[in-house]
Amino acid sequence: LATLTGPEPIKVNQDPLGLQGRRVASSNDGGFSWSRDTQAVTSGTLEVWAKPLEDGAVAVILLNRGSSFANITVRFTDLPWQTSSDRYTVRDIWLQKDIGDFESSYTGENIETH
């Protein structure tokens, strides 16, 4: 129920900019494929989805479609809407807490399956 009623996930979903998230990276057994042209990224076991928000932030989802826990890495320079920042703050909106500041990438560890 918290997934459906959490204030931060609802805020991202209802962002005034009104843009949908797009798959920006996907993995199959051969590793991740990245593309700023989101039409070129096909479904895989592990996926990175992103969408820009009105305040200039970018919402990113790490999605595990596999059958077991997995680590998923997002490279900030590959996000279509990335800004020229030296550091990026990563926040877990489900837990409502900042994870920390990162320079070029972030790896979510032990991402559950969906």
C-alpha atoms as a PDB file:
ATOM      1  CA  LEU A   1       0.000   0.000   0.000  1.00  0.00           C
ATOM      2  CA  ALA A   2       2.910   2.373   0.721  1.00  0.00           C
ATOM      3  CA  THR A   3       3.939   2.027  -2.915  1.00  0.00           C
ATOM      4  CA  LEU A   4       0.602   3.439  -4.004  1.00  0.00           C
ATOM      5  CA  THR A   5       0.205   6.081  -1.323  1.00  0.00           C
ATOM      6  CA  GLY A   6       3.755   7.270  -0.583  1.00  0.00           C
ATOM      7  CA  PRO A   7       3.989  11.060  -0.955  1.00  0.00           C
ATOM      8  CA  GLU A   8       7.275  11.124  -2.882  1.00  0.00           C
ATOM      9  CA  PRO A   9       6.360   8.470  -5.493  1.00  0.00           C
ATOM     10  CA  ILE A  10       3.055  10.292  -6.043  1.00  0.00           C
ATOM     11  CA  LYS A  11       4.937  13.607  -6.413  1.00  0.00           C
ATOM     12  CA  VAL A  12       7.200  12.092  -9.095  1.00  0.00           C
ATOM     13  CA  ASN A  13       4.244  10.510 -10.865  1.00  0.00           C
ATOM     14  CA  GLN A  14       2.231  13.720 -10.810  1.00  0.00           C
ATOM     15  CA  ASP A  15       5.109  16.097 -11.626  1.00  0.00           C
ATOM     16  CA  PRO A  16       3.790  19.249 -13.386  1.00  0.00           C
ATOM     17  CA  LEU A  17       6.233  18.813 -16.283  1.00  0.00           C
ATOM     18  CA  GLY A  18       4.027  15.887 -17.284  1.00  0.00           C
ATOM     19  CA  LEU A  19       6.638  13.754 -19.039  1.00  0.00           C
ATOM     20  CA  GLN A  20       6.638   9.962 -18.924  1.00  0.00           C
ATOM     21  CA  GLY A  21       9.650   7.956 -17.884  1.00  0.00           C
ATOM     22  CA  ARG A  22      11.738   6.314 -20.609  1.00  0.00           C
ATOM     23  CA  ARG A  23      13.957   3.269 -20.576  1.00  0.00           C
ATOM     24  CA  VAL A  24      17.529   4.573 -20.956  1.00  0.00           C
ATOM     25  CA  ALA A  25      19.454   1.354 -20.367  1.00  0.00           C
ATOM     26  CA  SER A  26      18.842  -2.358 -20.445  1.00  0.00           C
ATOM     27  CA  SER A  27      20.858  -5.490 -19.811  1.00  0.00           C
ATOM     28  CA  ASN A  28      20.745  -8.907 -21.290  1.00  0.00           C
ATOM     29  CA  ASP A  29      23.396 -11.550 -20.760  1.00  0.00           C
ATOM     30  CA  GLY A  30      25.849  -9.500 -22.824  1.00  0.00           C
ATOM     31  CA  GLY A  31      25.861  -6.515 -20.453  1.00  0.00           C
ATOM     32  CA  PHE A  32      24.115  -3.150 -20.540  1.00  0.00           C
ATOM     33  CA  SER A  33      23.185  -1.276 -23.685  1.00  0.00           C
ATOM     34  CA  TRP A  34      22.857   2.479 -23.304  1.00  0.00           C
ATOM     35  CA  SER A  35      21.343   4.995 -25.646  1.00  0.00           C
ATOM     36  CA  ARG A  36      20.166   8.588 -25.458  1.00  0.00           C
ATOM     37  CA  ASP A  37      17.758   7.515 -28.214  1.00  0.00           C
ATOM     38  CA  THR A  38      15.381   5.634 -25.935  1.00  0.00           C
ATOM     39  CA  GLN A  39      13.679   3.982 -28.891  1.00  0.00           C
ATOM     40  CA  ALA A  40      16.894   2.007 -29.442  1.00  0.00           C
ATOM     41  CA  VAL A  41      16.893   0.405 -25.989  1.00  0.00           C
ATOM     42  CA  THR A  42      15.086  -2.913 -25.874  1.00  0.00           C
ATOM     43  CA  SER A  43      13.757  -4.785 -22.855  1.00  0.00           C
ATOM     44  CA  GLY A  44      16.198  -6.750 -20.761  1.00  0.00           C
ATOM     45  CA  THR A  45      16.469  -8.393 -17.386  1.00  0.00           C
ATOM     46  CA  LEU A  46      17.785  -5.231 -15.688  1.00  0.00           C
ATOM     47  CA  GLU A  47      16.575  -1.810 -16.759  1.00  0.00           C
ATOM     48  CA  VAL A  48      17.185   1.842 -15.934  1.00  0.00           C
ATOM     49  CA  TRP A  49      14.244   4.205 -16.495  1.00  0.00           C
ATOM     50  CA  ALA A  50      14.386   7.987 -16.109  1.00  0.00           C
ATOM     51  CA  LYS A  51      12.308  11.138 -16.493  1.00  0.00           C
ATOM     52  CA  PRO A  52      13.043  14.823 -16.003  1.00  0.00           C
ATOM     53  CA  LEU A  53      11.135  16.708 -13.321  1.00  0.00           C
ATOM     54  CA  GLU A  54       9.946  20.304 -13.346  1.00  0.00           C
ATOM     55  CA  ASP A  55      12.468  21.362 -10.670  1.00  0.00           C
ATOM     56  CA  GLY A  56      15.412  20.207 -12.832  1.00  0.00           C
ATOM     57  CA  ALA A  57      15.921  16.911 -11.024  1.00  0.00           C
ATOM     58  CA  VAL A  58      15.802  13.579 -12.825  1.00  0.00           C
ATOM     59  CA  ALA A  59      13.819  10.656 -11.402  1.00  0.00           C
ATOM     60  CA  VAL A  60      15.521   7.299 -12.018  1.00  0.00           C
ATOM     61  CA  ILE A  61      14.116   3.819 -11.462  1.00  0.00           C
ATOM     62  CA  LEU A  62      16.264   0.706 -11.275  1.00  0.00           C
ATOM     63  CA  LEU A  63      14.072  -2.189 -12.420  1.00  0.00           C
ATOM     64  CA  ASN A  64      14.940  -5.845 -11.933  1.00  0.00           C
ATOM     65  CA  ARG A  65      12.841  -8.138 -14.134  1.00  0.00           C
ATOM     66  CA  GLY A  66      15.029 -11.126 -13.331  1.00  0.00           C
ATOM     67  CA  SER A  67      14.411 -14.022 -10.989  1.00  0.00           C
ATOM     68  CA  SER A  68      16.846 -13.056  -8.218  1.00  0.00           C
ATOM     69  CA  PHE A  69      18.264  -9.995  -6.473  1.00  0.00           C
ATOM     70  CA  ALA A  70      20.694  -7.971  -8.602  1.00  0.00           C
ATOM     71  CA  ASN A  71      22.955  -4.930  -8.520  1.00  0.00           C
ATOM     72  CA  ILE A  72      22.056  -2.243 -11.077  1.00  0.00           C
ATOM     73  CA  THR A  73      24.291   0.683 -12.025  1.00  0.00           C
ATOM     74  CA  VAL A  74      23.166   3.960 -13.558  1.00  0.00           C
ATOM     75  CA  ARG A  75      25.778   6.155 -15.248  1.00  0.00           C
ATOM     76  CA  PHE A  76      24.752   9.787 -14.862  1.00  0.00           C
ATOM     77  CA  THR A  77      26.401  10.964 -18.077  1.00  0.00           C
ATOM     78  CA  ASP A  78      24.156   8.608 -20.047  1.00  0.00           C
ATOM     79  CA  LEU A  79      20.912  10.098 -18.792  1.00  0.00           C
ATOM     80  CA  PRO A  80      19.273  12.128 -21.572  1.00  0.00           C
ATOM     81  CA  TRP A  81      18.514  15.016 -19.215  1.00  0.00           C
ATOM     82  CA  GLN A  82      21.680  15.028 -17.157  1.00  0.00           C
ATOM     83  CA  THR A  83      23.039  18.375 -16.104  1.00  0.00           C
ATOM     84  CA  SER A  84      26.664  19.409 -15.935  1.00  0.00           C
ATOM     85  CA  SER A  85      27.093  18.688 -12.254  1.00  0.00           C
ATOM     86  CA  ASP A  86      30.162  17.312 -10.545  1.00  0.00           C
ATOM     87  CA  ARG A  87      28.081  15.429  -7.998  1.00  0.00           C
ATOM     88  CA  TYR A  88      24.588  14.029  -7.947  1.00  0.00           C
ATOM     89  CA  THR A  89      22.420  13.430  -4.893  1.00  0.00           C
ATOM     90  CA  VAL A  90      20.686  10.052  -4.909  1.00  0.00           C
ATOM     91  CA  ARG A  91      17.463   9.740  -2.924  1.00  0.00           C
ATOM     92  CA  ASP A  92      15.388   6.656  -2.188  1.00  0.00           C
ATOM     93  CA  ILE A  93      11.839   7.982  -2.494  1.00  0.00           C
ATOM     94  CA  TRP A  94      10.337   4.787  -1.044  1.00  0.00           C
ATOM     95  CA  LEU A  95      12.380   5.179   2.156  1.00  0.00           C
ATOM     96  CA  GLN A  96      12.221   8.995   1.986  1.00  0.00           C
ATOM     97  CA  LYS A  97      15.946   9.405   2.625  1.00  0.00           C
ATOM     98  CA  ASP A  98      19.021  10.594   0.796  1.00  0.00           C
ATOM     99  CA  ILE A  99      21.475   7.812  -0.043  1.00  0.00           C
ATOM    100  CA  GLY A 100      24.396  10.161  -0.666  1.00  0.00           C
ATOM    101  CA  ASP A 101      26.251  12.204  -3.272  1.00  0.00           C
ATOM    102  CA  PHE A 102      27.899  10.409  -6.194  1.00  0.00           C
ATOM    103  CA  GLU A 103      30.162  11.587  -9.039  1.00  0.00           C
ATOM    104  CA  SER A 104      29.667   9.533 -12.175  1.00  0.00           C
ATOM    105  CA  SER A 105      27.430   6.606 -11.317  1.00  0.00           C
ATOM    106  CA  TYR A 106      25.376   4.930  -8.651  1.00  0.00           C
ATOM    107  CA  THR A 107      24.919   1.212  -8.042  1.00  0.00           C
ATOM    108  CA  GLY A 108      21.769   0.028  -6.340  1.00  0.00           C
ATOM    109  CA  GLU A 109      22.645  -3.147  -4.496  1.00  0.00           C
ATOM    110  CA  ASN A 110      20.413  -6.173  -4.071  1.00  0.00           C
ATOM    111  CA  ILE A 111      17.508  -4.754  -6.063  1.00  0.00           C
ATOM    112  CA  GLU A 112      14.494  -6.991  -5.590  1.00  0.00           C
ATOM    113  CA  THR A 113      12.703  -8.560  -8.536  1.00  0.00           C
ATOM    114  CA  HIS A 114       9.500  -7.010  -9.900  1.00  0.00           C
END
